[in-house]
Amino acid sequence: MYEAIADQIVALGRRAEGVVYAVPGHPLVGELSVQGILSRARDEGLRTNLVEGLSFVEPVLSVLGIDGLGGLQLSDATELAAAHHPHLDPDRPALIGQLYGQRLASGVKLTLMNAYPEDWDVTLVRAAGVEGGTALTLPLYELDRGDLCDHLTTLYVPALPQGAGLPALQDTVARLRAPDGCPWDREQTHQSLRANLLEEAYEVLASLDAEDEGKLCEELGDLLMQIAMHVQIATEEGAFQFSDVIGGIDAKLKRRHPHVFGDLAVESTADVLRTWEAIKAAERTRSQHAGDEHSRLEGVPGILPSLARAQALGDRAARGGFDWRDLPGVLDKVGEELAELSESTDREARARELGDLLFSLVNVSRWLQVDAESALRGACDRFVQRYTWMEQHARRQGLDLSSLPLEEQDALWDQAKSLG
């Protein structure tokens, strides 16, 4: 529709007398047709003259009694409803224009609820600056309930409490690192924070194992703080900024998901994985042409816990075609490695063969689609629970567990195991 309007207006504009195209409000606020006309006119060298008018923004500000320079964000309702996550900073207020109907209001509500609480109070302003105009404040979840929106409706979304958006965290970390900030934070480097980053990552895993969503929220925040600290250090050194980090991973995700962000058709997860590997292979080829030699295994960090690293290495190799045809073949390999361990005669050989056995067991976990690290962590937790029960049971009998014969300890173990 907008292209057709631009075609007609530009055609009329070629005449000596020109043409007047009138729109409600300001021609550069919420008028896509005007943008199309201006672009076409520039391409054809046609002169244009913009006559400024009062947009919907000023009357809405008057109704709400807010300052337009108070960090106010402007967004179009149709664009916002089409997004999966709002492109808004929740620490700043927002005006969402052209909220013309209930169905559109439903889409806007669902998008906003990815970043705002469902009971966050928002305000619908109808016919601002016109006699009979109204302003209705209601919780976000009620936005699409009833016939509340028309072509003169604007939605106002107040800012969340300070510190709800990523820019707020960036500012807090930058303040801590400033000359008048925290002495400890100012002294930190990428290397000095390595242990902190690892600790926070493990605490996230612990909260996942505990299935504690409240703790998970807190620990993800701690991990994000570590990321923000590293980015701030890099920013101060002129290496990169947060926009580089986010832009880089966003571009990579889109590049590696052409079936979502492009025209490629896939029918299964297997198709997705094959496409992913093909794209990564092409990236490696481009890097090699640039003078860098890369291996399929190069992206697996050597600092990973050994079980996780073994599983990642096996997975990378398997995706390159280096794998057994079926599970029995993997289990046969375990038996082969166990036999080699039994035949080992010196400490160095035993250590080597034990490592090979553990690696083959990790391949079994990969074939069973079980995370080896999590499986062993679960086994450790069960061992602690059962052994602690044995100690407590012996203590209640007035006995010391360590002094019991192995047969009695084994019987207690079976009892503990039967309990879970």
Protein backbone atom coordinates (compact mmCIF):
# COMPACT_ATOMS: atom_id res chain seq x y z
CA MET A 1 0.00 0.00 0.00
CA TYR A 2 2.73 2.49 0.97
CA GLU A 3 4.67 1.76 -2.23
CA ALA A 4 1.56 2.42 -4.30
CA ILE A 5 1.03 5.74 -2.51
CA ALA A 6 4.66 6.72 -3.13
CA ASP A 7 4.32 5.81 -6.82
CA GLN A 8 1.25 8.01 -7.25
CA ILE A 9 2.59 10.99 -5.31
CA VAL A 10 5.97 10.95 -7.08
CA ALA A 11 4.24 10.69 -10.44
CA LEU A 12 2.16 13.75 -9.58
CA GLY A 13 5.25 15.49 -8.22
CA ARG A 14 6.94 15.33 -11.62
CA ARG A 15 4.43 17.85 -12.95
CA ALA A 16 5.36 21.52 -13.06
CA GLU A 17 2.75 22.42 -10.48
CA GLY A 18 3.86 19.64 -8.15
CA VAL A 19 1.58 18.06 -5.57
CA VAL A 20 0.58 18.55 -1.92
CA TYR A 21 0.41 15.39 0.19
CA ALA A 22 -1.26 16.03 3.56
CA VAL A 23 -1.12 13.70 6.56
CA PRO A 24 -2.42 14.12 10.11
CA GLY A 25 0.17 15.36 12.61
CA HIS A 26 3.83 15.71 11.82
CA PRO A 27 4.87 14.14 8.48
CA LEU A 28 7.95 12.50 10.05
CA VAL A 29 6.22 10.92 13.05
CA GLY A 30 4.54 7.60 12.38
CA GLU A 31 3.97 8.15 8.65
CA LEU A 32 5.63 5.38 6.62
CA SER A 33 4.11 6.69 3.39
CA VAL A 34 6.04 9.94 3.81
CA GLN A 35 9.32 8.06 4.22
CA GLY A 36 8.67 6.21 0.98
CA ILE A 37 7.83 9.39 -0.87
CA LEU A 38 10.94 11.21 0.38
CA SER A 39 13.18 8.28 -0.58
CA ARG A 40 11.74 8.09 -4.09
CA ALA A 41 11.95 11.86 -4.51
CA ARG A 42 15.63 11.87 -3.52
CA ASP A 43 16.35 9.09 -6.02
CA GLU A 44 14.71 11.10 -8.80
CA GLY A 45 16.13 14.46 -7.79
CA LEU A 46 12.71 15.95 -7.01
CA ARG A 47 12.58 18.87 -4.57
CA THR A 48 10.40 18.40 -1.47
CA ASN A 49 9.23 20.80 1.21
CA LEU A 50 8.13 19.55 4.62
CA VAL A 51 5.52 21.58 6.49
CA GLU A 52 5.73 20.71 10.15
CA GLY A 53 2.60 19.92 12.12
CA LEU A 54 1.77 18.89 15.66
CA SER A 55 2.36 15.14 16.09
CA PHE A 56 0.47 12.89 18.48
CA VAL A 57 3.43 13.01 20.89
CA GLU A 58 2.97 16.55 22.25
CA PRO A 59 -0.75 16.20 23.16
CA VAL A 60 -0.04 12.83 24.79
CA LEU A 61 2.74 14.40 26.89
CA SER A 62 0.27 17.08 28.00
CA VAL A 63 -2.28 14.47 29.05
CA LEU A 64 0.29 12.46 30.97
CA GLY A 65 2.13 15.47 32.39
CA ILE A 66 5.56 14.01 31.66
CA ASP A 67 8.78 15.45 30.24
CA GLY A 68 9.58 14.36 26.69
CA LEU A 69 13.30 14.66 27.45
CA GLY A 70 13.13 12.31 30.42
CA GLY A 71 14.55 9.41 28.44
CA LEU A 72 11.28 8.89 26.54
CA GLN A 73 11.30 6.14 23.90
CA LEU A 74 8.98 6.04 20.87
CA SER A 75 7.82 2.82 19.24
CA ASP A 76 5.27 1.75 16.65
CA ALA A 77 2.63 -0.72 17.86
CA THR A 78 2.71 -2.84 14.71
CA GLU A 79 6.50 -3.23 14.84
CA LEU A 80 6.41 -3.99 18.55
CA ALA A 81 3.71 -6.65 18.17
CA ALA A 82 5.76 -8.36 15.45
CA ALA A 83 8.81 -8.59 17.73
CA HIS A 84 9.48 -11.52 20.08
CA HIS A 85 11.11 -9.24 22.65
CA PRO A 86 10.57 -5.48 23.00
CA HIS A 87 13.37 -3.32 21.62
CA LEU A 88 12.98 -1.04 24.59
CA ASP A 89 15.07 -0.15 27.61
CA PRO A 90 12.75 -0.90 30.58
CA ASP A 91 14.59 1.71 32.67
CA ARG A 92 13.12 4.42 30.44
CA PRO A 93 9.47 5.32 29.76
CA ALA A 94 8.00 4.53 26.35
CA LEU A 95 5.20 5.78 24.11
CA ILE A 96 3.78 3.21 21.71
CA GLY A 97 1.83 4.90 18.93
CA GLN A 98 -0.87 3.75 16.51
CA LEU A 99 -2.35 1.08 18.78
CA TYR A 100 -5.46 0.94 16.61
CA GLY A 101 -7.26 -2.26 17.67
CA GLN A 102 -7.79 -5.09 20.15
CA ARG A 103 -5.90 -7.70 18.15
CA LEU A 104 -2.88 -5.41 17.81
CA ALA A 105 -3.11 -4.61 21.54
CA SER A 106 -2.92 -8.35 22.25
CA GLY A 107 0.30 -8.68 20.25
CA VAL A 108 1.82 -5.64 21.96
CA LYS A 109 0.87 -7.02 25.38
CA LEU A 110 2.50 -10.39 24.74
CA THR A 111 5.71 -8.77 23.52
CA LEU A 112 5.90 -6.35 26.45
CA MET A 113 5.32 -9.16 28.95
CA ASN A 114 8.73 -10.56 27.96
CA ALA A 115 10.31 -7.58 29.69
CA TYR A 116 7.68 -6.12 32.05
CA PRO A 117 5.64 -7.69 34.88
CA GLU A 118 2.14 -8.66 33.77
CA ASP A 119 0.63 -6.43 36.48
CA TRP A 120 2.74 -3.38 35.54
CA ASP A 121 0.47 -0.32 35.28
CA VAL A 122 0.32 1.18 31.78
CA THR A 123 -1.83 4.03 30.44
CA LEU A 124 -3.98 4.11 27.30
CA VAL A 125 -4.41 7.63 25.96
CA ARG A 126 -7.21 8.10 23.42
CA ALA A 127 -7.80 11.17 21.27
CA ALA A 128 -5.20 13.31 23.06
CA GLY A 129 -5.72 17.01 22.30
CA VAL A 130 -9.24 16.37 21.06
CA GLU A 131 -12.46 17.05 22.95
CA GLY A 132 -13.56 13.88 24.71
CA GLY A 133 -10.04 12.48 24.97
CA THR A 134 -9.40 9.97 27.77
CA ALA A 135 -6.56 8.38 29.71
CA LEU A 136 -7.05 4.96 31.29
CA THR A 137 -4.48 3.31 33.57
CA LEU A 138 -4.70 -0.47 33.85
CA PRO A 139 -2.42 -3.47 34.44
CA LEU A 140 -0.58 -4.68 31.35
CA TYR A 141 -2.39 -8.03 31.26
CA GLU A 142 -5.73 -6.22 30.74
CA LEU A 143 -4.52 -4.26 27.72
CA ASP A 144 -6.49 -6.31 25.19
CA ARG A 145 -9.60 -6.85 27.29
CA GLY A 146 -12.48 -4.93 25.85
CA ASP A 147 -12.82 -2.36 23.07
CA LEU A 148 -10.24 0.07 24.43
CA CYS A 149 -8.18 0.97 21.37
CA ASP A 150 -8.82 2.84 18.12
CA HIS A 151 -6.80 4.74 15.49
CA LEU A 152 -6.21 7.61 17.96
CA THR A 153 -4.83 5.45 20.79
CA THR A 154 -1.32 5.65 22.27
CA LEU A 155 0.06 3.42 25.01
CA TYR A 156 2.31 4.83 27.73
CA VAL A 157 4.60 2.37 29.52
CA PRO A 158 6.32 3.86 32.59
CA ALA A 159 9.90 2.92 33.38
CA LEU A 160 10.53 -0.01 35.68
CA PRO A 161 12.37 0.65 38.94
CA GLN A 162 15.95 1.76 38.26
CA GLY A 163 18.29 -1.06 37.39
CA ALA A 164 15.99 -3.32 35.35
CA GLY A 165 17.77 -3.00 31.99
CA LEU A 166 21.20 -3.94 30.68
CA PRO A 167 22.29 -0.27 30.25
CA ALA A 168 21.70 0.27 33.97
CA LEU A 169 24.01 -2.62 34.83
CA GLN A 170 26.62 -1.31 32.42
CA ASP A 171 26.44 2.09 34.10
CA THR A 172 26.72 0.58 37.59
CA VAL A 173 29.80 -1.45 36.66
CA ALA A 174 31.37 1.55 34.90
CA ARG A 175 30.74 3.62 38.05
CA LEU A 176 32.45 0.97 40.19
CA ARG A 177 35.46 1.10 37.86
CA ALA A 178 35.56 4.91 37.70
CA PRO A 179 38.43 6.87 39.36
CA ASP A 180 36.16 7.66 42.32
CA GLY A 181 34.63 4.16 42.35
CA CYS A 182 35.44 1.04 44.37
CA PRO A 183 39.17 0.41 44.93
CA TRP A 184 38.72 -3.37 44.68
CA ASP A 185 36.75 -3.20 41.41
CA ARG A 186 39.22 -0.73 39.91
CA GLU A 187 42.13 -3.11 40.57
CA GLN A 188 40.57 -6.09 38.77
CA THR A 189 41.82 -7.42 35.43
CA HIS A 190 40.62 -10.14 33.08
CA GLN A 191 43.03 -12.57 34.72
CA SER A 192 42.25 -11.65 38.33
CA LEU A 193 38.53 -12.32 37.69
CA ARG A 194 39.00 -15.80 36.19
CA ALA A 195 38.23 -17.63 39.43
CA ASN A 196 35.18 -15.43 40.08
CA LEU A 197 33.77 -16.17 36.62
CA LEU A 198 34.24 -19.92 37.07
CA GLU A 199 32.70 -19.85 40.56
CA GLU A 200 29.62 -17.96 39.37
CA ALA A 201 29.17 -20.37 36.44
CA TYR A 202 29.24 -23.34 38.82
CA GLU A 203 26.76 -21.65 41.14
CA VAL A 204 24.39 -21.32 38.18
CA LEU A 205 24.77 -25.06 37.58
CA ALA A 206 24.11 -25.75 41.26
CA SER A 207 20.87 -23.78 41.13
CA LEU A 208 19.83 -25.72 38.02
CA ASP A 209 20.49 -29.01 39.80
CA ALA A 210 18.47 -27.79 42.78
CA GLU A 211 15.63 -26.73 40.42
CA ASP A 212 15.42 -23.50 42.42
CA GLU A 213 14.19 -20.77 40.05
CA GLY A 214 14.63 -18.00 42.60
CA LYS A 215 18.25 -18.99 43.15
CA LEU A 216 18.75 -19.41 39.41
CA CYS A 217 17.58 -15.84 38.85
CA GLU A 218 20.05 -14.57 41.46
CA GLU A 219 22.97 -16.62 40.17
CA LEU A 220 22.38 -15.65 36.55
CA GLY A 221 22.55 -12.05 37.74
CA ASP A 222 25.90 -12.72 39.42
CA LEU A 223 27.19 -14.35 36.23
CA LEU A 224 25.94 -11.42 34.13
CA MET A 225 27.79 -9.05 36.46
CA GLN A 226 31.01 -10.93 35.75
CA ILE A 227 30.39 -10.59 32.01
CA ALA A 228 29.67 -6.88 32.41
CA MET A 229 32.90 -6.45 34.38
CA HIS A 230 34.98 -8.10 31.66
CA VAL A 231 33.30 -6.01 28.98
CA GLN A 232 33.92 -2.82 30.97
CA ILE A 233 37.62 -3.68 31.31
CA ALA A 234 37.78 -4.29 27.56
CA THR A 235 35.96 -1.01 26.90
CA GLU A 236 38.46 0.90 29.01
CA GLU A 237 41.32 -0.76 27.11
CA GLY A 238 39.73 0.06 23.75
CA ALA A 239 39.45 -3.64 22.82
CA PHE A 240 35.68 -3.97 22.39
CA GLN A 241 32.36 -2.81 23.85
CA PHE A 242 29.09 -4.43 24.90
CA SER A 243 27.63 -3.61 21.49
CA ASP A 244 30.40 -5.70 19.91
CA VAL A 245 29.67 -8.65 22.20
CA ILE A 246 25.91 -8.56 21.66
CA GLY A 247 26.14 -7.68 17.98
CA GLY A 248 28.62 -10.49 17.37
CA ILE A 249 26.54 -13.24 18.95
CA ASP A 250 23.32 -11.89 17.42
CA ALA A 251 24.85 -11.96 13.93
CA LYS A 252 26.27 -15.45 14.53
CA LEU A 253 22.89 -16.82 15.65
CA LYS A 254 21.16 -15.39 12.60
CA ARG A 255 23.89 -16.60 10.26
CA ARG A 256 23.73 -20.13 11.66
CA HIS A 257 19.91 -20.31 11.58
CA PRO A 258 19.06 -19.66 7.92
CA HIS A 259 15.94 -21.82 8.36
CA VAL A 260 14.61 -19.17 10.76
CA PHE A 261 16.13 -15.92 9.49
CA GLY A 262 16.48 -16.91 5.83
CA ASP A 263 14.79 -18.99 3.15
CA LEU A 264 16.27 -22.42 3.93
CA ALA A 265 13.69 -25.16 4.59
CA VAL A 266 14.40 -27.93 7.13
CA GLU A 267 12.25 -30.84 8.23
CA SER A 268 13.99 -32.15 11.35
CA THR A 269 16.51 -31.43 14.08
CA ALA A 270 18.98 -33.56 12.14
CA ASP A 271 18.62 -31.16 9.20
CA VAL A 272 19.29 -28.25 11.53
CA LEU A 273 22.47 -29.86 12.90
CA ARG A 274 23.74 -30.67 9.40
CA THR A 275 23.15 -27.08 8.33
CA TRP A 276 24.88 -25.79 11.48
CA GLU A 277 27.95 -27.94 10.77
CA ALA A 278 28.04 -26.91 7.11
CA ILE A 279 27.96 -23.23 8.05
CA LYS A 280 30.69 -23.68 10.67
CA ALA A 281 32.80 -25.59 8.12
CA ALA A 282 32.40 -22.71 5.68
CA GLU A 283 33.45 -20.27 8.40
CA ARG A 284 36.55 -22.37 9.10
CA THR A 285 37.35 -22.45 5.38
CA ARG A 286 37.12 -18.67 5.18
CA SER A 287 39.43 -18.37 8.17
CA GLN A 288 41.92 -20.75 6.54
CA HIS A 289 41.87 -18.68 3.37
CA ALA A 290 42.66 -15.71 5.55
CA GLY A 291 45.78 -17.50 6.75
CA ASP A 292 44.47 -19.22 9.91
CA GLU A 293 44.45 -23.04 10.14
CA HIS A 294 41.55 -24.40 12.15
CA SER A 295 40.57 -27.84 13.43
CA ARG A 296 37.02 -29.02 14.05
CA LEU A 297 38.07 -29.57 17.67
CA GLU A 298 39.66 -26.16 18.13
CA GLY A 299 36.60 -24.50 19.67
CA VAL A 300 36.50 -26.86 22.67
CA PRO A 301 38.22 -25.02 25.56
CA GLY A 302 41.02 -26.94 27.26
CA ILE A 303 39.97 -25.44 30.60
CA LEU A 304 36.64 -27.28 30.60
CA PRO A 305 36.13 -29.96 33.29
CA SER A 306 37.53 -33.15 31.80
CA LEU A 307 34.21 -34.99 31.47
CA ALA A 308 32.58 -32.04 29.75
CA ARG A 309 35.60 -31.59 27.49
CA ALA A 310 35.64 -35.28 26.56
CA GLN A 311 31.95 -35.20 25.68
CA ALA A 312 32.35 -32.03 23.62
CA LEU A 313 35.38 -33.47 21.76
CA GLY A 314 33.55 -36.71 21.02
CA ASP A 315 30.50 -34.80 19.81
CA ARG A 316 32.57 -32.56 17.50
CA ALA A 317 34.38 -35.57 16.03
CA ALA A 318 31.11 -37.47 15.58
CA ARG A 319 29.59 -34.56 13.68
CA GLY A 320 32.57 -34.86 11.34
CA GLY A 321 31.76 -38.55 10.71
CA PHE A 322 34.25 -40.09 13.19
CA ASP A 323 31.93 -42.26 15.29
CA TRP A 324 30.62 -45.79 15.80
CA ARG A 325 27.69 -47.02 13.74
CA ASP A 326 25.69 -48.21 16.77
CA LEU A 327 25.70 -48.37 20.58
CA PRO A 328 27.02 -51.98 20.78
CA GLY A 329 30.16 -50.77 19.02
CA VAL A 330 30.63 -48.10 21.67
CA LEU A 331 30.14 -50.65 24.47
CA ASP A 332 32.63 -53.01 22.82
CA LYS A 333 35.16 -50.17 22.94
CA VAL A 334 34.56 -49.86 26.71
CA GLY A 335 35.30 -53.58 27.11
CA GLU A 336 38.44 -53.22 25.00
CA GLU A 337 39.73 -50.33 27.12
CA LEU A 338 38.89 -52.18 30.35
CA ALA A 339 40.90 -55.18 29.17
CA GLU A 340 43.87 -52.94 28.30
CA LEU A 341 43.67 -51.40 31.77
CA SER A 342 43.70 -54.87 33.38
CA GLU A 343 46.80 -55.77 31.40
CA SER A 344 48.70 -52.61 32.35
CA THR A 345 51.74 -53.24 34.52
CA ASP A 346 53.13 -49.83 35.47
CA ARG A 347 51.70 -46.63 36.89
CA GLU A 348 52.11 -44.53 33.74
CA ALA A 349 50.43 -47.12 31.53
CA ARG A 350 47.58 -47.56 34.00
CA ALA A 351 46.97 -43.81 34.10
CA ARG A 352 46.93 -43.69 30.30
CA GLU A 353 44.58 -46.67 29.94
CA LEU A 354 42.30 -45.42 32.71
CA GLY A 355 41.98 -42.13 30.82
CA ASP A 356 41.09 -44.01 27.64
CA LEU A 357 38.49 -46.02 29.57
CA LEU A 358 36.93 -42.88 31.00
CA PHE A 359 36.86 -41.29 27.54
CA SER A 360 35.09 -44.36 26.11
CA LEU A 361 32.53 -44.21 28.95
CA VAL A 362 31.88 -40.58 28.09
CA ASN A 363 31.20 -41.70 24.51
CA VAL A 364 28.59 -44.09 25.93
CA SER A 365 26.92 -41.17 27.70
CA ARG A 366 26.96 -39.20 24.44
CA TRP A 367 25.27 -42.04 22.60
CA LEU A 368 22.66 -42.29 25.37
CA GLN A 369 22.17 -38.50 25.16
CA VAL A 370 23.11 -38.16 28.84
CA ASP A 371 25.35 -35.33 30.04
CA ALA A 372 28.35 -37.10 31.59
CA GLU A 373 29.20 -34.25 33.96
CA SER A 374 25.65 -34.09 35.31
CA ALA A 375 25.43 -37.88 35.56
CA LEU A 376 28.62 -38.10 37.64
CA ARG A 377 27.56 -35.12 39.75
CA GLY A 378 24.29 -36.94 40.48
CA ALA A 379 26.20 -40.08 41.42
CA CYS A 380 28.38 -38.04 43.81
CA ASP A 381 25.29 -36.53 45.43
CA ARG A 382 23.72 -39.98 45.84
CA PHE A 383 26.96 -41.32 47.35
CA VAL A 384 27.02 -38.48 49.89
CA GLN A 385 23.36 -39.04 50.78
CA ARG A 386 23.75 -42.82 51.19
CA TYR A 387 27.05 -42.72 53.06
CA THR A 388 25.72 -40.05 55.41
CA TRP A 389 22.68 -42.27 56.10
CA MET A 390 25.03 -45.17 56.91
CA GLU A 391 26.99 -43.03 59.38
CA GLN A 392 23.84 -41.81 61.08
CA HIS A 393 22.33 -45.30 61.24
CA ALA A 394 25.49 -46.74 62.81
CA ARG A 395 25.64 -43.81 65.25
CA ARG A 396 22.06 -44.47 66.38
CA GLN A 397 23.14 -48.04 67.16
CA GLY A 398 26.04 -46.74 69.22
CA LEU A 399 28.53 -47.92 66.61
CA ASP A 400 31.34 -46.36 64.61
CA LEU A 401 30.78 -47.06 60.91
CA SER A 402 34.51 -47.26 60.17
CA SER A 403 34.97 -50.02 62.76
CA LEU A 404 32.31 -52.31 61.25
CA PRO A 405 33.40 -55.25 59.07
CA LEU A 406 33.14 -54.61 55.33
CA GLU A 407 30.28 -57.12 55.02
CA GLU A 408 28.16 -55.15 57.53
CA GLN A 409 29.04 -51.86 55.86
CA ASP A 410 28.01 -53.35 52.52
CA ALA A 411 24.68 -54.47 54.00
CA LEU A 412 24.08 -50.94 55.30
CA TRP A 413 24.94 -49.60 51.86
CA ASP A 414 22.28 -51.82 50.31
CA GLN A 415 19.76 -50.50 52.85
CA ALA A 416 20.70 -46.90 52.08
CA LYS A 417 20.50 -47.58 48.36
CA SER A 418 17.00 -49.04 48.71
CA LEU A 419 15.87 -45.77 50.31
CA GLY A 420 16.79 -43.78 47.20
